Amino acid sequence: MKLASYNNGRRDGQLMLVSRDLTKTVAVPAIAHTMQQLLDGWDLLKPQLQELYDALNEGMFDNAQAFDEAKCLSPLPRAYQWADGSAYVNHVELVRKARGAEMPETFWTDPLVYQGGSDSFIAPKADIKMASEDWGIDFESEIAVITDDVPMGVSSDNAAKHIKLLMLVNDVSLRNLIPGELAKGFGFFQSKPSSSFSPVAVTPDELGARWEDSKVHLPLITYLNGELFGRPNAGVDMTFNFSQLVSHVAKTRPLSAGAIIGSGTISNYDRSAGSSCLAEKRMLEVIADGKATTPFMCFGDTVRIEMLDDNDVTIFGSIDQKVVEYKA
């Protein structure tokens, strides 16, 4: 299934069922009004929704309307949990190498995860508002999963069945604020503002054979100011798959339905695939030339994040955003 949340003037939006080709949509209030309501009752409600989804794809809804990504909030406009990993250790290795830091062996056996703010996500077509360009504004192109209720201590083998939906992420980062925060030894806060998610969330079966071993085996495409920035394959060089990430996050606590777990920046050892954030490209420049020349984002810059299927058809819709100056 494919699902979205339309902006209806309420904080949690209106749950919408979306056709596979992202051309038609219909509200399903008889089943659930919001994405969170659906996730809370997933086992009971999903079979009912699947019947309607099949009917929508067969053109059996007279009241179906044209799907409009511009009307979408993030699929979960707010969530009980947003934990972002760093599953592509190649990316972490690059950043540390550029500043001459050794790579602890535990990075290969124990995932890195930070807990982000989840009370207010940015809509996929909304502006990214920042008060200063000096903060080092960066995008991070990622994939995330949404779970149902996950018991504490779940094994990675059993965690897979708790993954219900997938979506794309722009994990906005303020790179120039990160060093000062991490130096305090207490983690990210100001340097990790609100994130954004794709217009559409999809069930894993929509990816067919491209969803294997709890990984998405397709390129994640990023455009900066209309020019291709990178298209690394999300299924390649992923040190920890989503089942392992979910298991790691649930090691000491249960997760409630609607928990979002991110992959971290998609990164490949094949440098010809490009990058999924400015920081990585800058680190490669430091390693090669001794200094970074690519600037962070400025007011007016745009980023587009998208994933296409084997027929070059968009799967999740696109995140399209402009950085603008925030004025109180």
Protein backbone atom coordinates (compact mmCIF):
# COMPACT_ATOMS: atom_id res chain seq x y z
CA MET A 1 0.00 0.00 0.00
CA LYS A 2 0.90 3.64 -0.39
CA LEU A 3 -0.25 6.20 2.14
CA ALA A 4 -0.02 9.94 2.72
CA SER A 5 -1.24 12.62 5.12
CA TYR A 6 -2.97 15.62 3.56
CA ASN A 7 -2.86 18.99 5.25
CA ASN A 8 -6.39 19.56 6.57
CA GLY A 9 -5.48 22.28 9.02
CA ARG A 10 -4.99 19.83 11.90
CA ARG A 11 -1.69 18.78 13.41
CA ASP A 12 -1.90 15.13 12.34
CA GLY A 13 -3.44 15.71 8.92
CA GLN A 14 -5.87 13.48 7.03
CA LEU A 15 -4.85 9.91 6.17
CA MET A 16 -5.03 9.33 2.42
CA LEU A 17 -4.81 6.10 0.44
CA VAL A 18 -2.69 6.68 -2.69
CA SER A 19 -2.65 4.63 -5.88
CA ARG A 20 0.49 2.73 -6.80
CA ASP A 21 1.32 5.17 -9.61
CA LEU A 22 0.70 8.19 -7.33
CA THR A 23 -2.03 9.58 -9.58
CA LYS A 24 -5.17 9.01 -7.47
CA THR A 25 -6.03 9.31 -3.80
CA VAL A 26 -9.00 8.87 -1.48
CA ALA A 27 -9.63 9.50 2.20
CA VAL A 28 -10.61 6.49 4.32
CA PRO A 29 -12.27 7.94 7.45
CA ALA A 30 -14.31 4.77 8.01
CA ILE A 31 -11.01 2.97 8.69
CA ALA A 32 -8.73 5.67 10.13
CA HIS A 33 -8.60 9.45 10.17
CA THR A 34 -4.83 9.74 10.70
CA MET A 35 -1.67 7.76 10.04
CA GLN A 36 -1.12 7.30 13.77
CA GLN A 37 -4.63 5.90 14.21
CA LEU A 38 -3.91 3.38 11.46
CA LEU A 39 -0.60 2.34 13.04
CA ASP A 40 -2.20 1.97 16.46
CA GLY A 41 -4.65 -0.55 15.00
CA TRP A 42 -2.49 -1.91 12.18
CA ASP A 43 -3.22 -5.64 12.51
CA LEU A 44 -6.99 -5.07 12.47
CA LEU A 45 -7.15 -2.18 9.99
CA LYS A 46 -4.51 -3.12 7.42
CA PRO A 47 -6.53 -5.96 5.78
CA GLN A 48 -9.52 -3.62 5.37
CA LEU A 49 -7.32 -0.92 3.89
CA GLN A 50 -5.67 -3.40 1.53
CA GLU A 51 -9.04 -4.19 -0.05
CA LEU A 52 -9.66 -0.50 -0.66
CA TYR A 53 -6.13 -0.07 -2.04
CA ASP A 54 -6.70 -2.85 -4.57
CA ALA A 55 -10.00 -1.23 -5.57
CA LEU A 56 -8.33 2.18 -5.97
CA ASN A 57 -5.68 0.73 -8.28
CA GLU A 58 -8.41 -0.94 -10.32
CA GLY A 59 -10.22 2.38 -10.80
CA MET A 60 -13.27 1.40 -8.75
CA PHE A 61 -13.53 4.63 -6.71
CA ASP A 62 -15.83 7.22 -8.27
CA ASN A 63 -14.84 9.77 -5.63
CA ALA A 64 -11.07 9.37 -6.09
CA GLN A 65 -9.27 12.65 -6.67
CA ALA A 66 -5.98 13.48 -8.35
CA PHE A 67 -3.11 13.03 -5.91
CA ASP A 68 -1.28 16.28 -5.16
CA GLU A 69 2.10 16.05 -3.39
CA ALA A 70 1.89 19.76 -2.56
CA LYS A 71 -1.01 19.02 -0.19
CA CYS A 72 1.04 16.49 1.78
CA LEU A 73 2.48 16.81 5.23
CA SER A 74 5.15 14.33 6.21
CA PRO A 75 3.35 10.94 6.46
CA LEU A 76 3.58 11.26 10.24
CA PRO A 77 3.46 15.04 10.77
CA ARG A 78 4.61 14.38 14.33
CA ALA A 79 5.68 11.14 15.95
CA TYR A 80 6.24 9.59 19.36
CA GLN A 81 9.77 8.55 18.37
CA TRP A 82 12.37 9.60 15.79
CA ALA A 83 15.69 7.81 16.14
CA ASP A 84 18.20 8.25 13.35
CA GLY A 85 21.04 5.82 12.84
CA SER A 86 24.30 5.94 10.94
CA ALA A 87 24.13 2.59 9.21
CA TYR A 88 26.62 3.43 6.46
CA VAL A 89 29.87 3.26 8.40
CA ASN A 90 31.71 4.34 5.25
CA HIS A 91 30.18 7.80 5.81
CA VAL A 92 31.32 7.93 9.46
CA GLU A 93 34.78 6.69 8.48
CA LEU A 94 35.16 9.49 5.94
CA VAL A 95 34.24 12.22 8.38
CA ARG A 96 36.65 10.91 11.01
CA LYS A 97 39.45 10.39 8.48
CA ALA A 98 39.20 13.98 7.29
CA ARG A 99 39.86 15.26 10.79
CA GLY A 100 42.56 12.66 11.51
CA ALA A 101 40.54 10.67 14.04
CA GLU A 102 40.85 6.92 14.43
CA MET A 103 37.85 4.67 13.81
CA PRO A 104 36.86 2.70 16.94
CA GLU A 105 36.31 -1.01 16.17
CA THR A 106 32.91 -0.88 17.91
CA PHE A 107 31.57 1.28 15.05
CA TRP A 108 31.48 -1.91 12.96
CA THR A 109 29.56 -3.93 15.56
CA ASP A 110 27.33 -1.45 17.38
CA PRO A 111 25.16 1.05 15.44
CA LEU A 112 25.33 4.77 16.11
CA VAL A 113 21.92 6.31 16.85
CA TYR A 114 20.75 9.71 18.01
CA GLN A 115 17.26 10.67 19.18
CA GLY A 116 15.88 13.56 17.15
CA GLY A 117 13.03 15.96 17.76
CA SER A 118 9.76 14.45 16.57
CA ASP A 119 7.07 16.89 17.67
CA SER A 120 7.09 18.86 14.40
CA PHE A 121 8.35 17.61 11.03
CA ILE A 122 8.67 19.79 7.92
CA ALA A 123 6.29 19.04 5.04
CA PRO A 124 8.04 17.58 1.98
CA LYS A 125 7.39 20.65 -0.18
CA ALA A 126 7.77 23.26 2.58
CA ASP A 127 10.66 25.70 2.94
CA ILE A 128 13.49 24.98 5.35
CA LYS A 129 13.57 28.09 7.51
CA MET A 130 16.88 28.97 9.16
CA ALA A 131 17.95 32.13 10.95
CA SER A 132 21.57 32.09 9.78
CA GLU A 133 23.64 30.71 6.92
CA ASP A 134 26.58 30.63 9.33
CA TRP A 135 25.10 27.53 10.97
CA GLY A 136 26.33 25.35 8.09
CA ILE A 137 23.01 24.24 6.61
CA ASP A 138 23.14 20.75 5.13
CA PHE A 139 20.72 18.12 3.80
CA GLU A 140 21.05 14.40 4.49
CA SER A 141 19.28 12.05 2.10
CA GLU A 142 18.15 8.91 3.91
CA ILE A 143 15.54 6.17 4.19
CA ALA A 144 13.43 5.52 7.28
CA VAL A 145 11.06 2.81 8.49
CA ILE A 146 7.96 3.11 10.66
CA THR A 147 7.22 0.34 13.14
CA ASP A 148 4.25 -1.01 15.02
CA ASP A 149 4.64 -1.78 18.75
CA VAL A 150 8.10 -3.27 19.26
CA PRO A 151 8.90 -5.17 22.48
CA MET A 152 12.02 -4.30 24.43
CA GLY A 153 14.92 -6.61 23.68
CA VAL A 154 13.57 -7.78 20.31
CA SER A 155 16.15 -9.72 18.29
CA SER A 156 17.17 -8.49 14.85
CA ASP A 157 15.58 -11.63 13.34
CA ASN A 158 12.22 -10.79 14.93
CA ALA A 159 12.48 -7.04 14.39
CA ALA A 160 11.79 -7.35 10.65
CA LYS A 161 8.11 -8.20 11.17
CA HIS A 162 7.62 -4.93 13.06
CA ILE A 163 8.61 -2.80 10.05
CA LYS A 164 5.33 -1.63 8.50
CA LEU A 165 6.17 1.35 6.29
CA LEU A 166 9.13 2.99 4.56
CA MET A 167 9.72 6.58 3.49
CA LEU A 168 12.50 8.96 2.43
CA VAL A 169 14.12 11.50 4.75
CA ASN A 170 15.85 14.84 4.60
CA ASP A 171 17.59 14.92 7.97
CA VAL A 172 18.46 18.62 8.05
CA SER A 173 21.76 19.23 9.86
CA LEU A 174 23.55 22.38 11.00
CA ARG A 175 27.16 21.33 10.58
CA ASN A 176 28.84 24.34 12.16
CA LEU A 177 26.87 23.84 15.38
CA ILE A 178 27.70 20.13 15.71
CA PRO A 179 31.33 20.35 16.98
CA GLY A 180 30.45 22.62 19.87
CA GLU A 181 27.55 20.44 20.93
CA LEU A 182 29.44 17.16 20.70
CA ALA A 183 32.36 18.66 22.61
CA LYS A 184 30.06 18.90 25.62
CA GLY A 185 29.68 15.11 25.52
CA PHE A 186 25.89 15.18 25.59
CA GLY A 187 24.88 14.76 21.93
CA PHE A 188 22.94 16.68 19.27
CA PHE A 189 20.18 19.16 19.95
CA GLN A 190 20.36 22.60 18.29
CA SER A 191 22.40 21.15 15.43
CA LYS A 192 19.56 18.80 14.48
CA PRO A 193 16.42 20.84 13.67
CA SER A 194 13.17 19.43 12.25
CA SER A 195 13.52 16.73 9.60
CA SER A 196 11.37 16.14 6.52
CA PHE A 197 9.89 12.97 5.04
CA SER A 198 8.63 12.00 1.59
CA PRO A 199 5.01 12.72 0.62
CA VAL A 200 4.23 8.99 0.55
CA ALA A 201 5.01 6.09 2.89
CA VAL A 202 4.88 2.58 1.40
CA THR A 203 4.58 -0.93 2.74
CA PRO A 204 7.71 -3.03 2.08
CA ASP A 205 5.90 -5.28 -0.41
CA GLU A 206 5.55 -2.30 -2.78
CA LEU A 207 9.31 -2.56 -3.39
CA GLY A 208 9.10 -6.19 -4.48
CA ALA A 209 12.52 -7.82 -4.85
CA ARG A 210 14.20 -4.47 -4.14
CA TRP A 211 13.33 -4.97 -0.45
CA GLU A 212 15.63 -7.77 0.68
CA ASP A 213 17.46 -8.47 3.93
CA SER A 214 15.76 -5.41 5.45
CA LYS A 215 17.48 -3.14 2.92
CA VAL A 216 16.23 -1.09 -0.03
CA HIS A 217 18.28 -2.05 -3.08
CA LEU A 218 17.76 1.05 -5.19
CA PRO A 219 19.64 4.33 -5.71
CA LEU A 220 18.56 7.34 -3.65
CA ILE A 221 18.78 10.39 -5.90
CA THR A 222 19.60 13.89 -4.69
CA TYR A 223 19.58 17.12 -6.71
CA LEU A 224 21.12 20.35 -5.41
CA ASN A 225 19.87 23.47 -7.17
CA GLY A 226 18.56 21.30 -10.01
CA GLU A 227 21.84 19.47 -10.64
CA LEU A 228 22.47 15.82 -9.81
CA PHE A 229 24.43 15.62 -6.55
CA GLY A 230 24.44 11.89 -5.90
CA ARG A 231 22.70 8.57 -6.46
CA PRO A 232 24.33 6.00 -4.16
CA ASN A 233 22.58 2.65 -3.89
CA ALA A 234 20.88 2.27 -0.51
CA GLY A 235 21.36 -1.49 -0.50
CA VAL A 236 25.12 -1.30 -0.98
CA ASP A 237 27.59 -0.74 1.89
CA MET A 238 24.81 -0.64 4.52
CA THR A 239 26.66 -2.03 7.52
CA PHE A 240 23.53 -2.40 9.68
CA ASN A 241 20.19 -3.22 8.06
CA PHE A 242 16.86 -1.89 9.32
CA SER A 243 16.10 -4.98 11.39
CA GLN A 244 19.40 -4.52 13.21
CA LEU A 245 18.70 -0.81 13.72
CA VAL A 246 15.23 -1.49 15.16
CA SER A 247 16.66 -4.16 17.46
CA HIS A 248 19.38 -1.79 18.62
CA VAL A 249 16.95 1.04 19.39
CA ALA A 250 14.68 -1.34 21.31
CA LYS A 251 17.49 -2.84 23.40
CA THR A 252 16.52 -1.05 26.61
CA ARG A 253 13.02 0.23 25.86
CA PRO A 254 9.89 -0.82 23.97
CA LEU A 255 8.89 1.23 20.91
CA SER A 256 5.33 2.44 20.41
CA ALA A 257 3.50 2.12 17.11
CA GLY A 258 4.57 4.99 14.90
CA ALA A 259 8.25 4.93 15.90
CA ILE A 260 10.47 6.17 13.06
CA ILE A 261 13.97 4.72 12.62
CA GLY A 262 16.32 6.30 10.06
CA SER A 263 19.21 4.80 8.13
CA GLY A 264 21.53 7.77 8.32
CA THR A 265 23.15 9.30 5.24
CA ILE A 266 23.27 6.89 2.30
CA SER A 267 26.90 6.41 1.27
CA ASN A 268 28.81 4.10 -1.10
CA TYR A 269 32.50 3.34 -1.34
CA ASP A 270 32.06 3.85 -5.10
CA ARG A 271 32.72 7.60 -5.24
CA SER A 272 31.29 7.84 -8.77
CA ALA A 273 27.83 7.44 -7.20
CA GLY A 274 28.19 10.85 -5.57
CA SER A 275 27.10 11.72 -2.05
CA SER A 276 23.92 12.25 -0.04
CA CYS A 277 25.05 15.27 1.97
CA LEU A 278 27.36 18.25 1.59
CA ALA A 279 29.48 17.27 4.60
CA GLU A 280 30.62 14.05 2.92
CA LYS A 281 31.56 15.82 -0.30
CA ARG A 282 33.50 18.38 1.72
CA MET A 283 35.33 15.61 3.59
CA LEU A 284 36.34 13.99 0.31
CA GLU A 285 37.72 17.35 -0.81
CA VAL A 286 39.71 17.68 2.41
CA ILE A 287 41.14 14.19 1.97
CA ALA A 288 42.03 14.80 -1.70
CA ASP A 289 43.09 18.46 -1.68
CA GLY A 290 43.60 19.43 1.94
CA LYS A 291 40.62 21.78 2.06
CA ALA A 292 36.86 21.83 1.45
CA THR A 293 35.63 24.00 -1.42
CA THR A 294 31.94 23.05 -1.63
CA PRO A 295 29.87 25.49 0.46
CA PHE A 296 27.01 24.58 2.73
CA MET A 297 23.51 25.66 1.67
CA CYS A 298 22.63 29.32 1.37
CA PHE A 299 19.26 31.07 1.35
CA GLY A 300 17.60 30.33 -1.99
CA ASP A 301 19.31 26.96 -2.50
CA THR A 302 17.06 23.97 -3.25
CA VAL A 303 17.29 20.23 -2.62
CA ARG A 304 15.27 17.41 -4.21
CA ILE A 305 15.34 13.82 -2.91
CA GLU A 306 13.65 10.95 -4.75
CA MET A 307 13.78 7.21 -5.43
CA LEU A 308 12.71 5.60 -8.72
CA ASP A 309 11.67 2.02 -9.40
CA ASP A 310 13.10 -0.15 -12.18
CA ASN A 311 10.82 1.62 -14.68
CA ASP A 312 12.04 5.08 -13.57
CA VAL A 313 8.74 5.82 -11.85
CA THR A 314 8.82 7.65 -8.53
CA ILE A 315 8.01 5.42 -5.55
CA PHE A 316 7.60 7.82 -2.63
CA GLY A 317 7.09 11.12 -4.44
CA SER A 318 9.80 13.71 -3.93
CA ILE A 319 11.07 15.94 -1.17
CA ASP A 320 11.47 19.38 -2.79
CA GLN A 321 12.62 22.17 -0.52
CA LYS A 322 14.16 25.64 -0.54
CA VAL A 323 16.27 27.11 2.25
CA VAL A 324 14.89 30.50 3.29
CA GLU A 325 15.67 33.00 6.00
CA TYR A 326 13.62 32.61 9.17
CA LYS A 327 12.22 35.84 10.53
CA ALA A 328 10.41 35.80 13.86
